[in-house]
Amino acid sequence: VTVQRLSEKLTDGSVAPGLDPYGDDDAIGALNTAFVADGYFVDIADGAVLEKPVELQNLQAGGQSHVRLLARVGAGAKAIVVERQAGEGSEGDEALVSSVSQLVVGDGAEVTWLIVQEQPDTATHLAQFKAHIGKDAKLTLFVMNAGGKLVRQEVVVRTTGEGADFKLRGINLLAGDTHTDTTMVLDHA
């Protein structure tokens, strides 16, 4: 498993083409692309079988945070990834978080990806999960939203080969005047 800071790859320009939003109506992707300064690039080699989960954390305290997670799980690999989005805030501290995760699942790979979002009740959290799933690959996505004032989770999945399998599971733990919505687009390419 290779994990690199995205800021290193942004500096040398090697990930620039992968940061483009998905069309003119991709507001979250466009916002994130305009302001992204850091995140992670994760590469799991072909055939690797991870015995422990990989955990990626984005922690912030007020203000704005724009992060991007890029991940590739190679052909035949098996992995569990935990993406944790959390913040701290006190009364009156507003926050705006845009988070875009892009995943490529190689042919025959099996991935479980868990998103745990725990923002303070004054935060706006705009998130997007984009995945390409290869032939005979399996992806299970679990999303838990447990915070924030306004939370939007977009899931965009493209199956690129026969036998690709995708499952979406989730839970929204709401309180007070929290507004949370999840949208999904599934493209059978």
N, C-alpha and C. Protein backbone atom coordinates (compact mmCIF):
# COMPACT_ATOMS: atom_id res chain seq x y z
N VAL A 1 0.85 -1.18 0.00
CA VAL A 1 0.00 0.00 0.00
C VAL A 1 0.89 1.24 0.00
N THR A 2 0.60 2.14 -0.90
CA THR A 2 1.31 3.42 -0.94
C THR A 2 0.31 4.52 -0.63
N VAL A 3 0.65 5.37 0.34
CA VAL A 3 -0.18 6.52 0.68
C VAL A 3 0.70 7.76 0.56
N GLN A 4 0.25 8.72 -0.25
CA GLN A 4 1.00 9.96 -0.42
C GLN A 4 0.09 11.15 -0.15
N ARG A 5 0.68 12.23 0.32
CA ARG A 5 -0.06 13.48 0.45
C ARG A 5 -0.40 13.98 -0.95
N LEU A 6 -1.60 14.39 -1.15
CA LEU A 6 -2.02 14.87 -2.45
C LEU A 6 -1.29 16.17 -2.80
N SER A 7 -0.92 16.96 -1.80
CA SER A 7 -0.22 18.22 -2.07
C SER A 7 1.06 17.98 -2.86
N GLU A 8 1.75 16.87 -2.63
CA GLU A 8 2.96 16.54 -3.39
C GLU A 8 2.63 16.30 -4.86
N LYS A 9 1.53 15.62 -5.12
CA LYS A 9 1.15 15.32 -6.50
C LYS A 9 0.54 16.56 -7.18
N LEU A 10 -0.08 17.45 -6.41
CA LEU A 10 -0.60 18.69 -6.99
C LEU A 10 0.55 19.57 -7.46
N THR A 11 1.63 19.58 -6.69
CA THR A 11 2.79 20.41 -7.02
C THR A 11 3.43 19.99 -8.34
N ASP A 12 3.56 18.69 -8.57
CA ASP A 12 4.21 18.23 -9.80
C ASP A 12 3.22 18.07 -10.97
N GLY A 13 1.92 18.30 -10.72
CA GLY A 13 0.92 18.27 -11.79
C GLY A 13 0.50 16.89 -12.24
N SER A 14 0.95 15.84 -11.58
CA SER A 14 0.67 14.48 -12.05
C SER A 14 -0.78 14.04 -11.86
N VAL A 15 -1.55 14.72 -11.01
CA VAL A 15 -2.94 14.32 -10.82
C VAL A 15 -3.93 15.32 -11.41
N ALA A 16 -3.45 16.38 -12.01
CA ALA A 16 -4.33 17.44 -12.50
C ALA A 16 -5.47 16.94 -13.37
N PRO A 17 -5.25 16.06 -14.36
CA PRO A 17 -6.38 15.61 -15.19
C PRO A 17 -7.45 14.87 -14.39
N GLY A 18 -7.10 14.20 -13.32
CA GLY A 18 -8.06 13.45 -12.52
C GLY A 18 -8.91 14.31 -11.60
N LEU A 19 -8.63 15.61 -11.55
CA LEU A 19 -9.37 16.49 -10.65
C LEU A 19 -10.55 17.18 -11.31
N ASP A 20 -10.74 16.99 -12.60
CA ASP A 20 -11.82 17.67 -13.30
C ASP A 20 -13.17 17.25 -12.77
N PRO A 21 -14.11 18.22 -12.64
CA PRO A 21 -15.48 17.86 -12.24
C PRO A 21 -16.16 17.03 -13.33
N TYR A 22 -17.27 16.39 -12.99
CA TYR A 22 -18.02 15.55 -13.93
C TYR A 22 -19.08 16.39 -14.64
N GLY A 23 -18.72 17.25 -15.53
CA GLY A 23 -19.68 18.01 -16.31
C GLY A 23 -20.06 19.33 -15.68
N ASP A 24 -20.88 20.08 -16.41
CA ASP A 24 -21.25 21.43 -16.00
C ASP A 24 -22.14 21.48 -14.77
N ASP A 25 -22.86 20.41 -14.48
CA ASP A 25 -23.78 20.43 -13.34
C ASP A 25 -23.17 19.83 -12.08
N ASP A 26 -21.86 19.67 -12.05
CA ASP A 26 -21.17 19.09 -10.89
C ASP A 26 -20.67 20.20 -9.98
N ALA A 27 -21.58 20.79 -9.20
CA ALA A 27 -21.22 21.93 -8.35
C ALA A 27 -20.22 21.55 -7.26
N ILE A 28 -20.41 20.41 -6.62
CA ILE A 28 -19.48 20.00 -5.55
C ILE A 28 -18.10 19.74 -6.13
N GLY A 29 -18.03 19.03 -7.24
CA GLY A 29 -16.74 18.77 -7.88
C GLY A 29 -16.04 20.04 -8.31
N ALA A 30 -16.79 21.01 -8.86
CA ALA A 30 -16.20 22.27 -9.30
C ALA A 30 -15.68 23.08 -8.11
N LEU A 31 -16.47 23.15 -7.03
CA LEU A 31 -16.03 23.86 -5.83
C LEU A 31 -14.75 23.24 -5.28
N ASN A 32 -14.75 21.92 -5.17
CA ASN A 32 -13.59 21.23 -4.62
C ASN A 32 -12.37 21.41 -5.52
N THR A 33 -12.54 21.28 -6.82
CA THR A 33 -11.42 21.42 -7.75
C THR A 33 -10.82 22.83 -7.67
N ALA A 34 -11.67 23.83 -7.51
CA ALA A 34 -11.18 25.21 -7.45
C ALA A 34 -10.33 25.48 -6.21
N PHE A 35 -10.65 24.83 -5.09
CA PHE A 35 -9.99 25.19 -3.83
C PHE A 35 -9.16 24.08 -3.19
N VAL A 36 -9.13 22.88 -3.77
CA VAL A 36 -8.42 21.77 -3.14
C VAL A 36 -6.95 22.12 -2.94
N ALA A 37 -6.46 21.83 -1.74
CA ALA A 37 -5.06 22.09 -1.42
C ALA A 37 -4.35 20.82 -0.95
N ASP A 38 -5.12 19.84 -0.50
CA ASP A 38 -4.47 18.63 0.00
C ASP A 38 -5.47 17.48 0.05
N GLY A 39 -4.99 16.37 0.53
CA GLY A 39 -5.75 15.14 0.62
C GLY A 39 -4.78 13.99 0.56
N TYR A 40 -5.24 12.87 0.02
CA TYR A 40 -4.40 11.67 -0.04
C TYR A 40 -4.53 10.99 -1.40
N PHE A 41 -3.44 10.35 -1.79
CA PHE A 41 -3.44 9.45 -2.93
C PHE A 41 -3.07 8.08 -2.39
N VAL A 42 -3.95 7.09 -2.60
CA VAL A 42 -3.73 5.74 -2.07
C VAL A 42 -3.67 4.77 -3.24
N ASP A 43 -2.63 3.94 -3.26
CA ASP A 43 -2.49 2.94 -4.31
C ASP A 43 -2.30 1.57 -3.65
N ILE A 44 -3.23 0.67 -3.94
CA ILE A 44 -3.15 -0.70 -3.43
C ILE A 44 -2.84 -1.59 -4.63
N ALA A 45 -1.71 -2.28 -4.56
CA ALA A 45 -1.18 -3.03 -5.69
C ALA A 45 -2.09 -4.18 -6.12
N ASP A 46 -1.95 -4.56 -7.37
CA ASP A 46 -2.65 -5.74 -7.89
C ASP A 46 -2.39 -6.94 -6.98
N GLY A 47 -3.45 -7.66 -6.64
CA GLY A 47 -3.32 -8.89 -5.87
C GLY A 47 -3.08 -8.72 -4.38
N ALA A 48 -2.91 -7.50 -3.91
CA ALA A 48 -2.68 -7.27 -2.47
C ALA A 48 -3.93 -7.63 -1.68
N VAL A 49 -3.74 -8.27 -0.54
CA VAL A 49 -4.85 -8.58 0.36
C VAL A 49 -4.50 -7.94 1.70
N LEU A 50 -5.22 -6.87 2.03
CA LEU A 50 -4.92 -6.13 3.26
C LEU A 50 -5.63 -6.78 4.44
N GLU A 51 -4.88 -7.08 5.47
CA GLU A 51 -5.46 -7.73 6.64
C GLU A 51 -6.05 -6.72 7.62
N LYS A 52 -5.63 -5.45 7.51
CA LYS A 52 -6.17 -4.39 8.36
C LYS A 52 -6.69 -3.27 7.48
N PRO A 53 -7.70 -2.55 7.95
CA PRO A 53 -8.24 -1.43 7.16
C PRO A 53 -7.22 -0.30 7.02
N VAL A 54 -7.35 0.44 5.94
CA VAL A 54 -6.62 1.69 5.76
C VAL A 54 -7.56 2.78 6.22
N GLU A 55 -7.11 3.67 7.13
CA GLU A 55 -7.97 4.75 7.60
C GLU A 55 -7.38 6.08 7.17
N LEU A 56 -8.22 6.89 6.51
CA LEU A 56 -7.85 8.22 6.06
C LEU A 56 -8.69 9.21 6.83
N GLN A 57 -8.05 10.24 7.41
CA GLN A 57 -8.78 11.19 8.25
C GLN A 57 -8.63 12.60 7.72
N ASN A 58 -9.74 13.32 7.71
CA ASN A 58 -9.75 14.75 7.42
C ASN A 58 -10.39 15.42 8.63
N LEU A 59 -9.58 16.10 9.42
CA LEU A 59 -10.06 16.77 10.63
C LEU A 59 -9.90 18.27 10.45
N GLN A 60 -10.94 19.03 10.78
CA GLN A 60 -10.87 20.48 10.66
C GLN A 60 -11.58 21.15 11.81
N ALA A 61 -11.26 22.43 12.00
CA ALA A 61 -11.86 23.21 13.09
C ALA A 61 -12.29 24.56 12.54
N GLY A 62 -13.49 24.63 12.00
CA GLY A 62 -14.02 25.88 11.49
C GLY A 62 -13.39 26.30 10.17
N GLY A 63 -13.91 27.37 9.60
CA GLY A 63 -13.38 27.86 8.33
C GLY A 63 -13.73 26.95 7.18
N GLN A 64 -12.87 26.96 6.16
CA GLN A 64 -13.11 26.14 4.98
C GLN A 64 -12.07 25.04 4.86
N SER A 65 -12.51 23.90 4.37
CA SER A 65 -11.62 22.77 4.12
C SER A 65 -12.08 22.11 2.82
N HIS A 66 -11.14 21.94 1.89
CA HIS A 66 -11.44 21.33 0.60
C HIS A 66 -10.41 20.24 0.36
N VAL A 67 -10.82 18.99 0.47
CA VAL A 67 -9.88 17.87 0.35
C VAL A 67 -10.31 16.91 -0.75
N ARG A 68 -9.33 16.21 -1.28
CA ARG A 68 -9.57 15.21 -2.33
C ARG A 68 -8.85 13.94 -1.94
N LEU A 69 -9.56 12.82 -2.08
CA LEU A 69 -8.96 11.50 -1.86
C LEU A 69 -9.00 10.76 -3.19
N LEU A 70 -7.84 10.35 -3.66
CA LEU A 70 -7.74 9.57 -4.89
C LEU A 70 -7.23 8.19 -4.51
N ALA A 71 -7.91 7.15 -4.98
CA ALA A 71 -7.50 5.79 -4.61
C ALA A 71 -7.63 4.85 -5.79
N ARG A 72 -6.67 3.94 -5.86
CA ARG A 72 -6.71 2.87 -6.86
C ARG A 72 -6.50 1.56 -6.13
N VAL A 73 -7.44 0.63 -6.34
CA VAL A 73 -7.30 -0.72 -5.79
C VAL A 73 -7.08 -1.63 -7.00
N GLY A 74 -5.91 -2.24 -7.05
CA GLY A 74 -5.49 -3.02 -8.21
C GLY A 74 -6.31 -4.28 -8.42
N ALA A 75 -6.14 -4.85 -9.59
CA ALA A 75 -6.85 -6.08 -9.98
C ALA A 75 -6.61 -7.18 -8.96
N GLY A 76 -7.69 -7.84 -8.56
CA GLY A 76 -7.60 -8.97 -7.63
C GLY A 76 -7.28 -8.61 -6.20
N ALA A 77 -7.14 -7.35 -5.88
CA ALA A 77 -6.81 -6.94 -4.51
C ALA A 77 -8.07 -6.96 -3.63
N LYS A 78 -7.85 -7.01 -2.31
CA LYS A 78 -8.95 -6.96 -1.35
C LYS A 78 -8.57 -5.95 -0.27
N ALA A 79 -9.51 -5.01 0.00
CA ALA A 79 -9.19 -3.96 0.97
C ALA A 79 -10.44 -3.41 1.62
N ILE A 80 -10.24 -2.90 2.83
CA ILE A 80 -11.25 -2.11 3.53
C ILE A 80 -10.62 -0.74 3.77
N VAL A 81 -11.36 0.31 3.41
CA VAL A 81 -10.88 1.68 3.60
C VAL A 81 -11.92 2.43 4.42
N VAL A 82 -11.44 3.13 5.45
CA VAL A 82 -12.30 3.97 6.29
C VAL A 82 -11.92 5.42 6.02
N GLU A 83 -12.89 6.19 5.56
CA GLU A 83 -12.70 7.62 5.31
C GLU A 83 -13.44 8.36 6.41
N ARG A 84 -12.69 9.06 7.25
CA ARG A 84 -13.29 9.75 8.40
C ARG A 84 -13.22 11.26 8.16
N GLN A 85 -14.40 11.89 8.15
CA GLN A 85 -14.52 13.34 8.00
C GLN A 85 -15.08 13.88 9.30
N ALA A 86 -14.28 14.63 10.04
CA ALA A 86 -14.72 15.11 11.35
C ALA A 86 -14.25 16.53 11.59
N GLY A 87 -14.98 17.23 12.42
CA GLY A 87 -14.61 18.60 12.74
C GLY A 87 -14.94 18.93 14.18
N GLU A 88 -14.34 20.03 14.61
CA GLU A 88 -14.62 20.56 15.94
C GLU A 88 -15.14 21.97 15.76
N GLY A 89 -16.06 22.34 16.58
CA GLY A 89 -16.57 23.70 16.50
C GLY A 89 -17.32 24.05 17.76
N SER A 90 -17.30 25.32 18.08
CA SER A 90 -18.06 25.79 19.22
C SER A 90 -19.17 26.69 18.71
N GLU A 91 -20.01 27.13 19.60
CA GLU A 91 -21.15 27.97 19.26
C GLU A 91 -20.72 29.11 18.33
N GLY A 92 -21.36 29.20 17.17
CA GLY A 92 -21.07 30.28 16.23
C GLY A 92 -19.94 30.01 15.25
N ASP A 93 -19.18 28.93 15.43
CA ASP A 93 -18.11 28.58 14.49
C ASP A 93 -18.73 27.87 13.29
N GLU A 94 -18.75 28.56 12.16
CA GLU A 94 -19.29 27.93 10.96
C GLU A 94 -18.15 27.32 10.16
N ALA A 95 -18.46 26.27 9.43
CA ALA A 95 -17.45 25.60 8.61
C ALA A 95 -18.07 25.19 7.29
N LEU A 96 -17.24 25.21 6.25
CA LEU A 96 -17.64 24.71 4.94
C LEU A 96 -16.61 23.66 4.54
N VAL A 97 -17.07 22.45 4.32
CA VAL A 97 -16.19 21.35 3.94
C VAL A 97 -16.66 20.81 2.60
N SER A 98 -15.74 20.73 1.64
CA SER A 98 -16.03 20.00 0.41
C SER A 98 -15.02 18.86 0.34
N SER A 99 -15.55 17.67 0.13
CA SER A 99 -14.70 16.48 0.11
C SER A 99 -15.10 15.63 -1.09
N VAL A 100 -14.12 15.32 -1.93
CA VAL A 100 -14.37 14.46 -3.08
C VAL A 100 -13.44 13.26 -2.99
N SER A 101 -14.03 12.08 -3.06
CA SER A 101 -13.25 10.83 -3.06
C SER A 101 -13.45 10.16 -4.41
N GLN A 102 -12.34 9.80 -5.05
CA GLN A 102 -12.39 9.14 -6.35
C GLN A 102 -11.68 7.80 -6.23
N LEU A 103 -12.39 6.74 -6.62
CA LEU A 103 -11.88 5.38 -6.46
C LEU A 103 -11.96 4.63 -7.78
N VAL A 104 -10.88 3.94 -8.11
CA VAL A 104 -10.86 3.02 -9.25
C VAL A 104 -10.64 1.63 -8.69
N VAL A 105 -11.61 0.74 -8.94
CA VAL A 105 -11.55 -0.64 -8.46
C VAL A 105 -11.20 -1.53 -9.65
N GLY A 106 -10.03 -2.16 -9.59
CA GLY A 106 -9.55 -3.00 -10.69
C GLY A 106 -10.36 -4.27 -10.87
N ASP A 107 -10.21 -4.90 -12.00
CA ASP A 107 -10.92 -6.15 -12.31
C ASP A 107 -10.71 -7.18 -11.20
N GLY A 108 -11.81 -7.77 -10.75
CA GLY A 108 -11.75 -8.84 -9.76
C GLY A 108 -11.41 -8.40 -8.35
N ALA A 109 -11.26 -7.11 -8.11
CA ALA A 109 -10.94 -6.62 -6.76
C ALA A 109 -12.20 -6.58 -5.90
N GLU A 110 -12.00 -6.59 -4.58
CA GLU A 110 -13.10 -6.49 -3.62
C GLU A 110 -12.77 -5.39 -2.64
N VAL A 111 -13.65 -4.38 -2.56
CA VAL A 111 -13.41 -3.22 -1.71
C VAL A 111 -14.64 -2.93 -0.87
N THR A 112 -14.41 -2.69 0.41
CA THR A 112 -15.42 -2.13 1.29
C THR A 112 -14.92 -0.76 1.69
N TRP A 113 -15.72 0.28 1.42
CA TRP A 113 -15.33 1.66 1.70
C TRP A 113 -16.35 2.23 2.67
N LEU A 114 -15.89 2.70 3.81
CA LEU A 114 -16.77 3.26 4.83
C LEU A 114 -16.50 4.75 4.98
N ILE A 115 -17.54 5.55 4.87
CA ILE A 115 -17.42 7.00 5.08
C ILE A 115 -18.11 7.32 6.40
N VAL A 116 -17.36 7.91 7.32
CA VAL A 116 -17.89 8.31 8.62
C VAL A 116 -17.78 9.83 8.69
N GLN A 117 -18.91 10.52 8.63
CA GLN A 117 -18.95 11.98 8.64
C GLN A 117 -19.49 12.44 9.98
N GLU A 118 -18.66 13.17 10.74
CA GLU A 118 -19.03 13.65 12.08
C GLU A 118 -18.65 15.13 12.22
N GLN A 119 -19.36 15.98 11.50
CA GLN A 119 -19.10 17.42 11.57
C GLN A 119 -19.89 18.04 12.73
N PRO A 120 -19.44 19.20 13.22
CA PRO A 120 -20.21 19.89 14.25
C PRO A 120 -21.53 20.41 13.68
N ASP A 121 -22.47 20.74 14.54
CA ASP A 121 -23.81 21.12 14.08
C ASP A 121 -23.88 22.49 13.43
N THR A 122 -22.74 23.15 13.24
CA THR A 122 -22.71 24.43 12.54
C THR A 122 -22.07 24.31 11.15
N ALA A 123 -21.73 23.10 10.74
CA ALA A 123 -20.96 22.90 9.50
C ALA A 123 -21.85 22.55 8.31
N THR A 124 -21.41 23.01 7.15
CA THR A 124 -21.95 22.56 5.87
C THR A 124 -20.94 21.58 5.30
N HIS A 125 -21.41 20.38 4.99
CA HIS A 125 -20.52 19.33 4.49
C HIS A 125 -21.04 18.88 3.13
N LEU A 126 -20.28 19.17 2.08
CA LEU A 126 -20.64 18.80 0.72
C LEU A 126 -19.66 17.73 0.27
N ALA A 127 -20.16 16.52 0.05
CA ALA A 127 -19.27 15.40 -0.24
C ALA A 127 -19.69 14.68 -1.51
N GLN A 128 -18.68 14.10 -2.14
CA GLN A 128 -18.92 13.35 -3.36
C GLN A 128 -18.02 12.11 -3.35
N PHE A 129 -18.60 10.99 -3.73
CA PHE A 129 -17.86 9.74 -3.86
C PHE A 129 -18.05 9.28 -5.29
N LYS A 130 -16.94 9.15 -6.02
CA LYS A 130 -16.99 8.74 -7.43
C LYS A 130 -16.19 7.45 -7.57
N ALA A 131 -16.78 6.44 -8.21
CA ALA A 131 -16.07 5.17 -8.36
C ALA A 131 -16.25 4.60 -9.75
N HIS A 132 -15.20 3.96 -10.23
CA HIS A 132 -15.23 3.15 -11.45
C HIS A 132 -14.94 1.72 -11.01
N ILE A 133 -15.84 0.80 -11.35
CA ILE A 133 -15.72 -0.59 -10.91
C ILE A 133 -15.46 -1.47 -12.13
N GLY A 134 -14.36 -2.21 -12.09
CA GLY A 134 -13.96 -3.07 -13.20
C GLY A 134 -14.72 -4.38 -13.27
N LYS A 135 -14.36 -5.18 -14.25
CA LYS A 135 -14.98 -6.48 -14.51
C LYS A 135 -14.85 -7.39 -13.29
N ASP A 136 -15.97 -8.01 -12.90
CA ASP A 136 -16.03 -8.96 -11.79
C ASP A 136 -15.54 -8.38 -10.46
N ALA A 137 -15.51 -7.06 -10.35
CA ALA A 137 -15.09 -6.41 -9.10
C ALA A 137 -16.30 -6.15 -8.22
N LYS A 138 -16.04 -6.03 -6.92
CA LYS A 138 -17.12 -5.80 -5.95
C LYS A 138 -16.77 -4.58 -5.10
N LEU A 139 -17.74 -3.68 -4.98
CA LEU A 139 -17.59 -2.51 -4.12
C LEU A 139 -18.81 -2.40 -3.23
N THR A 140 -18.56 -2.34 -1.92
CA THR A 140 -19.62 -2.06 -0.96
C THR A 140 -19.28 -0.72 -0.32
N LEU A 141 -20.20 0.23 -0.41
CA LEU A 141 -20.02 1.56 0.17
C LEU A 141 -21.01 1.73 1.31
N PHE A 142 -20.49 2.11 2.48
CA PHE A 142 -21.33 2.40 3.64
C PHE A 142 -21.08 3.85 4.03
N VAL A 143 -22.15 4.65 4.13
CA VAL A 143 -22.04 6.06 4.48
C VAL A 143 -22.80 6.30 5.78
N MET A 144 -22.10 6.88 6.77
CA MET A 144 -22.74 7.27 8.02
C MET A 144 -22.59 8.77 8.19
N ASN A 145 -23.71 9.48 8.17
CA ASN A 145 -23.72 10.91 8.44
C ASN A 145 -24.21 11.12 9.86
N ALA A 146 -23.35 11.69 10.70
CA ALA A 146 -23.69 11.85 12.12
C ALA A 146 -23.35 13.26 12.59
N GLY A 147 -23.67 14.24 11.80
CA GLY A 147 -23.37 15.61 12.21
C GLY A 147 -23.58 16.56 11.05
N GLY A 148 -23.35 17.84 11.35
CA GLY A 148 -23.48 18.89 10.35
C GLY A 148 -24.85 19.54 10.39
N LYS A 149 -24.90 20.75 9.87
CA LYS A 149 -26.17 21.47 9.75
C LYS A 149 -26.81 21.18 8.39
N LEU A 150 -25.97 21.26 7.35
CA LEU A 150 -26.41 20.93 6.00
C LEU A 150 -25.40 19.93 5.43
N VAL A 151 -25.88 18.75 5.08
CA VAL A 151 -25.00 17.68 4.60
C VAL A 151 -25.56 17.15 3.28
N ARG A 152 -24.69 17.13 2.28
CA ARG A 152 -25.08 16.53 0.99
C ARG A 152 -24.02 15.50 0.63
N GLN A 153 -24.45 14.28 0.35
CA GLN A 153 -23.55 13.20 -0.06
C GLN A 153 -23.99 12.74 -1.44
N GLU A 154 -23.14 12.95 -2.44
CA GLU A 154 -23.42 12.46 -3.79
C GLU A 154 -22.58 11.22 -4.04
N VAL A 155 -23.19 10.21 -4.64
CA VAL A 155 -22.50 8.97 -4.98
C VAL A 155 -22.67 8.78 -6.49
N VAL A 156 -21.55 8.70 -7.20
CA VAL A 156 -21.57 8.52 -8.65
C VAL A 156 -20.71 7.29 -8.95
N VAL A 157 -21.35 6.24 -9.47
CA VAL A 157 -20.64 4.97 -9.71
C VAL A 157 -20.80 4.57 -11.17
N ARG A 158 -19.68 4.17 -11.76
CA ARG A 158 -19.70 3.67 -13.14
C ARG A 158 -19.14 2.25 -13.12
N THR A 159 -19.95 1.30 -13.60
CA THR A 159 -19.44 -0.07 -13.75
C THR A 159 -18.87 -0.17 -15.15
N THR A 160 -17.62 -0.62 -15.24
CA THR A 160 -16.94 -0.62 -16.54
C THR A 160 -16.68 -2.02 -17.08
N GLY A 161 -17.26 -3.03 -16.45
CA GLY A 161 -17.07 -4.39 -16.94
C GLY A 161 -18.18 -5.30 -16.47
N GLU A 162 -18.39 -6.39 -17.20
CA GLU A 162 -19.42 -7.36 -16.81
C GLU A 162 -19.09 -7.96 -15.46
N GLY A 163 -20.15 -8.27 -14.71
CA GLY A 163 -19.99 -8.91 -13.42
C GLY A 163 -19.64 -7.96 -12.29
N ALA A 164 -19.57 -6.66 -12.58
CA ALA A 164 -19.29 -5.68 -11.52
C ALA A 164 -20.47 -5.63 -10.56
N ASP A 165 -20.17 -5.51 -9.27
CA ASP A 165 -21.20 -5.54 -8.23
C ASP A 165 -21.01 -4.34 -7.31
N PHE A 166 -22.10 -3.59 -7.08
CA PHE A 166 -22.05 -2.41 -6.20
C PHE A 166 -23.19 -2.48 -5.21
N LYS A 167 -22.86 -2.23 -3.95
CA LYS A 167 -23.88 -2.16 -2.90
C LYS A 167 -23.68 -0.86 -2.14
N LEU A 168 -24.78 -0.15 -1.88
CA LEU A 168 -24.76 1.08 -1.10
C LEU A 168 -25.57 0.87 0.16
N ARG A 169 -24.96 1.16 1.28
CA ARG A 169 -25.62 1.07 2.58
C ARG A 169 -25.37 2.39 3.31
N GLY A 170 -26.23 2.73 4.25
CA GLY A 170 -25.97 3.95 4.98
C GLY A 170 -26.95 4.20 6.09
N ILE A 171 -26.59 5.20 6.88
CA ILE A 171 -27.44 5.64 7.98
C ILE A 171 -27.20 7.12 8.20
N ASN A 172 -28.28 7.85 8.45
CA ASN A 172 -28.20 9.27 8.79
C ASN A 172 -28.70 9.42 10.21
N LEU A 173 -27.83 9.88 11.09
CA LEU A 173 -28.19 10.12 12.49
C LEU A 173 -28.44 11.61 12.64
N LEU A 174 -29.70 12.01 12.63
CA LEU A 174 -30.07 13.42 12.59
C LEU A 174 -30.54 13.91 13.95
N ALA A 175 -30.30 15.20 14.17
CA ALA A 175 -30.78 15.84 15.40
C ALA A 175 -31.05 17.31 15.09
N GLY A 176 -31.94 17.92 15.87
CA GLY A 176 -32.20 19.34 15.72
C GLY A 176 -32.69 19.69 14.32
N ASP A 177 -32.09 20.74 13.75
CA ASP A 177 -32.52 21.19 12.42
C ASP A 177 -31.55 20.76 11.31
N THR A 178 -30.87 19.66 11.52
CA THR A 178 -29.95 19.12 10.51
C THR A 178 -30.72 18.72 9.25
N HIS A 179 -30.16 19.08 8.10
CA HIS A 179 -30.70 18.62 6.82
C HIS A 179 -29.63 17.77 6.15
N THR A 180 -29.99 16.54 5.81
CA THR A 180 -29.06 15.62 5.16
C THR A 180 -29.74 14.98 3.96
N ASP A 181 -29.02 14.94 2.84
CA ASP A 181 -29.56 14.19 1.71
C ASP A 181 -28.43 13.43 1.02
N THR A 182 -28.82 12.31 0.43
CA THR A 182 -27.88 11.48 -0.32
C THR A 182 -28.49 11.23 -1.69
N THR A 183 -27.70 11.44 -2.74
CA THR A 183 -28.15 11.14 -4.09
C THR A 183 -27.17 10.16 -4.72
N MET A 184 -27.69 9.35 -5.65
CA MET A 184 -26.84 8.36 -6.29
C MET A 184 -27.13 8.30 -7.79
N VAL A 185 -26.05 8.19 -8.56
CA VAL A 185 -26.14 7.97 -10.00
C VAL A 185 -25.33 6.72 -10.29
N LEU A 186 -25.95 5.74 -10.95
CA LEU A 186 -25.27 4.50 -11.32
C LEU A 186 -25.26 4.41 -12.83
N ASP A 187 -24.06 4.35 -13.41
CA ASP A 187 -23.89 4.31 -14.86
C ASP A 187 -23.31 2.96 -15.26
N HIS A 188 -24.07 2.22 -16.06
CA HIS A 188 -23.59 0.94 -16.58
C HIS A 188 -22.93 1.21 -17.92
N ALA A 189 -21.62 1.42 -17.91
CA ALA A 189 -20.92 1.79 -19.15
C ALA A 189 -20.76 0.60 -20.07
